[in-house]
Amino acid sequence: MDLSAYDVPGRGNGILDVFRWRYLLSVLIRKGTATRYRNSVLGWVWSYVKPGMQFVIYYFVMGVILQFHRDVENFAVYLFSGVVIVNLFNEAFGNATSSITDNRALVRKIYLPRELFPVASIVGAFIHFLPQLAILLLVCVLIGWTPTLAALGGILAAVAIVMVFALGLGLFFAGLNVRFRDAQNFVELIRMFSTWTSPVLYTWTLVQTALPGWAFFGYSANPLTIAVELFHHGFWAPTTSSYNDPNADPLDVPTLMPHFGEAVIVGLILCAVLLIIGQAVFRRFERTFAQDL
């Protein structure tokens, strides 16, 4: 018998199979978005409530108590643009890590590319991110934000970097989490530190003065730091009075970090390496997913 037209169960092309199984991926995405707020009174309103409360707390501590709003023009926009992109990473990373255990019924009963679950969870996090992005965009427009091609390109690049970064880490910990459930604790630690290890609540100039040059470059090459800075440069910087003022003091004009281009290259290489390692670890552990679940 000619069996060339059939797939052998358990043999796949890893994350590349996601493109072959696009319909099933769309089904998983619709399932995730449809059941996210099932039996919830507020429903999708929670997509606005959580980041809104998070912003209020951060602004009260950093802006009102510590008076950061005096040093950073339009500090509310600066803060919220950083919070929004970090929230995308935290949700995508967390959802990808638990995607296999959350879908244990499907994993145990039928064969399908297991990578579909982390990818679907990350796309679901992106959909959940859009209402927050809409609020940020509306606020920026109301205070005079004028988009440029460079700003829009930086914003799109930031989202892409965060999603690839979250996918690489998510695949790595999703594979580990099935066998070793305490992997979830490491994920929570990473998510907790993500806001503080990137310039969300403070400016990068404070880090530059506190760290030696090599350590600051390592800080700059963090993919999450790169994404936050691209969001700041895309949304916050054009709303400052000195950004488009030819007579402004150069020290007052918002600029990107020193050697930012080199940091972006290193960050992209790190994302690619993490994606390869994450895929390898995921495929190593997926052989026993059904048994471990």
Protein backbone atom coordinates (compact mmCIF):
# COMPACT_ATOMS: atom_id res chain seq x y z
CA MET A 1 0.00 0.00 0.00
CA ASP A 2 1.13 3.51 -0.80
CA LEU A 3 1.13 5.41 2.51
CA SER A 4 3.05 8.46 1.28
CA ALA A 5 -0.06 10.64 1.47
CA TYR A 6 -0.46 9.98 5.19
CA ASP A 7 1.40 11.50 8.12
CA VAL A 8 3.05 9.17 10.58
CA PRO A 9 1.76 10.11 14.06
CA GLY A 10 4.44 11.65 16.24
CA ARG A 11 6.57 12.82 13.34
CA GLY A 12 6.31 16.47 12.53
CA ASN A 13 8.26 19.52 11.49
CA GLY A 14 7.97 21.31 14.79
CA ILE A 15 6.79 24.89 14.70
CA LEU A 16 6.71 24.81 10.89
CA ASP A 17 3.64 22.56 11.13
CA VAL A 18 1.69 25.54 12.44
CA PHE A 19 1.57 26.90 8.87
CA ARG A 20 0.22 23.58 7.56
CA TRP A 21 -2.46 23.35 10.23
CA ARG A 22 -3.72 26.92 9.90
CA TYR A 23 -7.40 26.00 10.16
CA LEU A 24 -6.91 24.11 13.40
CA LEU A 25 -4.84 27.02 14.72
CA SER A 26 -7.72 29.39 13.97
CA VAL A 27 -10.12 27.05 15.80
CA LEU A 28 -7.89 27.04 18.89
CA ILE A 29 -7.61 30.84 18.78
CA ARG A 30 -11.39 31.25 18.53
CA LYS A 31 -11.85 28.78 21.36
CA GLY A 32 -9.43 30.68 23.57
CA THR A 33 -11.01 34.08 22.93
CA ALA A 34 -14.58 32.75 23.24
CA THR A 35 -13.98 31.02 26.58
CA ARG A 36 -11.73 33.67 28.12
CA TYR A 37 -14.52 35.54 29.88
CA ARG A 38 -17.24 32.89 29.80
CA ASN A 39 -19.74 33.36 32.64
CA SER A 40 -18.18 36.72 33.40
CA VAL A 41 -20.46 39.70 34.05
CA LEU A 42 -18.07 42.34 32.71
CA GLY A 43 -16.65 40.19 29.92
CA TRP A 44 -14.15 42.03 27.72
CA VAL A 45 -14.35 45.06 29.99
CA TRP A 46 -11.73 43.27 32.10
CA SER A 47 -9.30 43.88 29.23
CA TYR A 48 -9.48 47.55 30.16
CA VAL A 49 -9.89 47.29 33.93
CA LYS A 50 -6.70 45.35 34.73
CA PRO A 51 -4.20 47.55 32.80
CA GLY A 52 -6.09 50.62 33.97
CA MET A 53 -5.72 49.71 37.64
CA GLN A 54 -2.10 48.71 37.08
CA PHE A 55 -1.41 52.10 35.52
CA VAL A 56 -3.14 53.96 38.39
CA ILE A 57 -1.01 52.16 41.00
CA TYR A 58 2.25 52.71 39.14
CA TYR A 59 1.45 56.34 38.41
CA PHE A 60 0.53 57.02 42.03
CA VAL A 61 3.78 55.51 43.33
CA MET A 62 6.20 56.71 40.64
CA GLY A 63 4.51 59.92 39.55
CA VAL A 64 2.80 61.27 42.66
CA ILE A 65 4.92 59.93 45.52
CA LEU A 66 8.37 59.82 43.85
CA GLN A 67 7.59 62.83 41.62
CA PHE A 68 8.92 61.26 38.40
CA HIS A 69 6.39 63.29 36.43
CA ARG A 70 8.54 66.38 37.06
CA ASP A 71 11.52 64.86 35.24
CA VAL A 72 9.63 63.16 32.39
CA GLU A 73 7.29 65.17 30.20
CA ASN A 74 3.94 63.42 29.64
CA PHE A 75 4.96 60.82 32.20
CA ALA A 76 1.52 59.17 31.99
CA VAL A 77 2.07 58.34 28.31
CA TYR A 78 5.63 57.21 29.01
CA LEU A 79 4.44 54.91 31.79
CA PHE A 80 1.40 53.47 30.02
CA SER A 81 3.23 52.75 26.76
CA GLY A 82 5.78 50.70 28.70
CA VAL A 83 3.13 48.92 30.77
CA VAL A 84 1.14 47.94 27.67
CA ILE A 85 4.02 46.22 25.85
CA VAL A 86 5.25 44.48 29.02
CA ASN A 87 1.70 43.23 29.65
CA LEU A 88 1.76 41.66 26.19
CA PHE A 89 4.95 39.78 27.05
CA ASN A 90 3.73 38.65 30.46
CA GLU A 91 0.41 37.36 29.19
CA ALA A 92 1.85 35.70 26.08
CA PHE A 93 4.66 34.06 28.06
CA GLY A 94 2.38 32.89 30.86
CA ASN A 95 -0.29 31.55 28.50
CA ALA A 96 2.26 29.71 26.35
CA THR A 97 3.81 28.06 29.40
CA SER A 98 0.50 26.63 30.61
CA SER A 99 -0.94 25.93 27.15
CA ILE A 100 -0.19 22.19 27.18
CA THR A 101 -1.46 21.53 30.69
CA ASP A 102 -4.55 23.65 30.04
CA ASN A 103 -5.36 21.52 26.96
CA ARG A 104 -4.48 18.15 28.51
CA ALA A 105 -7.75 16.60 27.30
CA LEU A 106 -6.86 17.19 23.63
CA VAL A 107 -3.20 16.27 24.10
CA ARG A 108 -4.07 12.92 25.67
CA LYS A 109 -6.72 11.89 23.14
CA ILE A 110 -5.63 12.91 19.63
CA TYR A 111 -2.46 13.67 17.72
CA LEU A 112 -1.86 17.16 16.40
CA PRO A 113 1.21 19.39 16.35
CA ARG A 114 1.67 20.35 19.99
CA GLU A 115 3.21 23.66 18.97
CA LEU A 116 -0.26 24.79 17.97
CA PHE A 117 -1.18 25.33 21.61
CA PRO A 118 1.61 27.78 22.57
CA VAL A 119 1.23 29.66 19.28
CA ALA A 120 -2.55 29.91 19.68
CA SER A 121 -2.15 31.17 23.26
CA ILE A 122 0.30 33.86 22.12
CA VAL A 123 -2.02 35.01 19.34
CA GLY A 124 -4.81 35.11 21.94
CA ALA A 125 -2.64 37.32 24.13
CA PHE A 126 -2.09 39.62 21.15
CA ILE A 127 -5.86 39.89 20.63
CA HIS A 128 -6.25 40.74 24.31
CA PHE A 129 -3.49 43.34 23.89
CA LEU A 130 -5.34 45.26 21.17
CA PRO A 131 -7.88 47.02 23.47
CA GLN A 132 -5.00 48.31 25.61
CA LEU A 133 -3.19 49.48 22.48
CA ALA A 134 -6.36 51.26 21.34
CA ILE A 135 -6.54 53.21 24.61
CA LEU A 136 -2.88 54.20 24.33
CA LEU A 137 -3.36 55.27 20.72
CA LEU A 138 -6.44 57.34 21.59
CA VAL A 139 -4.67 59.15 24.43
CA CYS A 140 -1.64 59.92 22.26
CA VAL A 141 -3.82 61.31 19.46
CA LEU A 142 -5.72 63.52 21.89
CA ILE A 143 -2.52 65.15 23.16
CA GLY A 144 -1.10 65.76 19.70
CA TRP A 145 0.65 62.57 18.61
CA THR A 146 1.57 62.64 14.92
CA PRO A 147 2.62 59.24 13.56
CA THR A 148 5.67 58.86 11.35
CA LEU A 149 6.87 55.90 9.33
CA ALA A 150 9.78 55.45 11.73
CA ALA A 151 7.46 55.50 14.75
CA LEU A 152 5.01 53.02 13.21
CA GLY A 153 7.84 50.75 12.12
CA GLY A 154 9.30 50.80 15.63
CA ILE A 155 5.92 49.96 17.16
CA LEU A 156 5.39 46.99 14.84
CA ALA A 157 8.96 45.82 15.41
CA ALA A 158 8.46 45.99 19.18
CA VAL A 159 5.34 43.82 19.01
CA ALA A 160 7.10 41.28 16.77
CA ILE A 161 10.15 41.12 19.07
CA VAL A 162 7.99 40.57 22.15
CA MET A 163 5.94 37.82 20.52
CA VAL A 164 9.00 35.93 19.24
CA PHE A 165 10.72 36.35 22.62
CA ALA A 166 7.62 35.08 24.43
CA LEU A 167 7.28 32.16 22.01
CA GLY A 168 10.87 31.02 22.52
CA LEU A 169 10.60 31.19 26.31
CA GLY A 170 7.07 29.79 26.20
CA LEU A 171 8.07 26.70 24.21
CA PHE A 172 10.97 26.09 26.57
CA PHE A 173 8.93 26.30 29.76
CA ALA A 174 5.81 24.68 28.27
CA GLY A 175 7.84 21.52 27.65
CA LEU A 176 9.37 21.61 31.12
CA ASN A 177 6.09 22.45 32.84
CA VAL A 178 4.46 19.15 31.83
CA ARG A 179 7.17 17.08 33.49
CA PHE A 180 8.25 19.50 36.23
CA ARG A 181 5.34 21.59 37.49
CA ASP A 182 7.61 23.86 39.52
CA ALA A 183 8.73 25.36 36.19
CA GLN A 184 5.62 27.53 36.54
CA ASN A 185 7.22 29.15 39.60
CA PHE A 186 10.25 30.22 37.54
CA VAL A 187 7.89 31.69 34.97
CA GLU A 188 6.12 33.75 37.64
CA LEU A 189 9.48 35.08 38.82
CA ILE A 190 10.43 36.12 35.28
CA ARG A 191 7.08 37.83 34.80
CA MET A 192 7.40 39.62 38.14
CA PHE A 193 10.84 41.00 37.27
CA SER A 194 9.97 41.89 33.67
CA THR A 195 8.51 45.27 34.59
CA TRP A 196 11.53 46.22 36.71
CA THR A 197 14.26 44.98 34.36
CA SER A 198 13.16 47.26 31.52
CA PRO A 199 12.68 51.06 31.48
CA VAL A 200 8.97 51.12 32.24
CA LEU A 201 8.84 52.85 35.63
CA TYR A 202 12.06 54.80 35.15
CA THR A 203 14.24 56.16 32.34
CA TRP A 204 17.24 54.37 30.87
CA THR A 205 19.48 57.31 31.80
CA LEU A 206 19.20 56.30 35.47
CA VAL A 207 20.45 52.83 34.61
CA GLN A 208 23.30 54.23 32.52
CA THR A 209 24.61 56.25 35.45
CA ALA A 210 24.35 53.29 37.84
CA LEU A 211 25.95 50.53 35.73
CA PRO A 212 29.34 50.19 34.03
CA GLY A 213 29.35 50.34 30.23
CA TRP A 214 29.39 46.58 29.56
CA ALA A 215 26.57 45.94 32.05
CA PHE A 216 24.46 48.73 30.57
CA PHE A 217 24.90 47.27 27.08
CA GLY A 218 23.72 43.90 28.40
CA TYR A 219 20.71 45.68 29.88
CA SER A 220 20.09 47.41 26.54
CA ALA A 221 20.25 44.11 24.61
CA ASN A 222 17.41 42.61 26.62
CA PRO A 223 14.65 42.07 23.99
CA LEU A 224 12.05 43.42 26.39
CA THR A 225 14.10 46.58 26.98
CA ILE A 226 14.40 47.03 23.21
CA ALA A 227 10.64 46.65 22.76
CA VAL A 228 9.84 49.10 25.56
CA GLU A 229 12.21 51.71 24.12
CA LEU A 230 10.73 51.29 20.64
CA PHE A 231 7.26 51.82 22.11
CA HIS A 232 8.47 54.89 23.98
CA HIS A 233 10.06 56.28 20.83
CA GLY A 234 6.96 55.48 18.80
CA PHE A 235 4.26 56.78 21.16
CA TRP A 236 5.73 58.94 23.91
CA ALA A 237 8.61 60.82 22.25
CA PRO A 238 6.48 62.49 19.51
CA THR A 239 4.18 63.92 22.23
CA THR A 240 7.00 65.83 23.96
CA SER A 241 7.42 69.52 23.21
CA SER A 242 11.15 69.24 22.46
CA TYR A 243 10.86 66.38 19.97
CA ASN A 244 9.94 68.54 16.97
CA ASP A 245 11.39 71.81 18.24
CA PRO A 246 14.54 72.76 16.26
CA ASN A 247 15.51 75.26 18.97
CA ALA A 248 15.24 72.81 21.85
CA ASP A 249 18.23 71.89 23.98
CA PRO A 250 19.64 68.60 22.58
CA LEU A 251 19.82 67.25 26.12
CA ASP A 252 16.03 67.64 26.46
CA VAL A 253 15.14 65.81 23.22
CA PRO A 254 14.15 62.16 23.81
CA THR A 255 16.67 59.85 22.17
CA LEU A 256 17.29 56.14 21.99
CA MET A 257 19.95 54.44 24.10
CA PRO A 258 23.61 54.68 23.06
CA HIS A 259 24.60 51.90 20.64
CA PHE A 260 20.94 51.00 20.30
CA GLY A 261 21.46 49.53 16.82
CA GLU A 262 24.06 47.08 18.11
CA ALA A 263 21.80 46.21 21.05
CA VAL A 264 18.92 45.46 18.67
CA ILE A 265 21.12 43.09 16.66
CA VAL A 266 22.19 41.25 19.81
CA GLY A 267 18.59 41.15 21.03
CA LEU A 268 17.36 39.67 17.75
CA ILE A 269 20.09 37.03 17.85
CA LEU A 270 19.05 36.20 21.41
CA CYS A 271 15.41 35.83 20.33
CA ALA A 272 16.42 33.50 17.49
CA VAL A 273 18.61 31.39 19.80
CA LEU A 274 15.86 31.16 22.41
CA LEU A 275 13.37 30.10 19.74
CA ILE A 276 15.67 27.32 18.54
CA ILE A 277 16.44 26.13 22.09
CA GLY A 278 12.80 26.37 23.10
CA GLN A 279 11.71 24.30 20.11
CA ALA A 280 14.39 21.66 20.83
CA VAL A 281 13.41 21.34 24.49
CA PHE A 282 9.72 21.28 23.62
CA ARG A 283 10.18 18.46 21.10
CA ARG A 284 12.34 16.55 23.58
CA PHE A 285 9.58 16.52 26.21
CA GLU A 286 6.55 16.21 23.92
CA ARG A 287 7.27 12.50 23.44
CA THR A 288 5.87 11.86 26.90
CA PHE A 289 3.24 14.60 27.15
CA ALA A 290 0.33 12.15 27.17
CA GLN A 291 1.91 9.97 29.87
CA ASP A 292 2.98 12.91 32.06
CA LEU A 293 -0.45 14.51 31.84
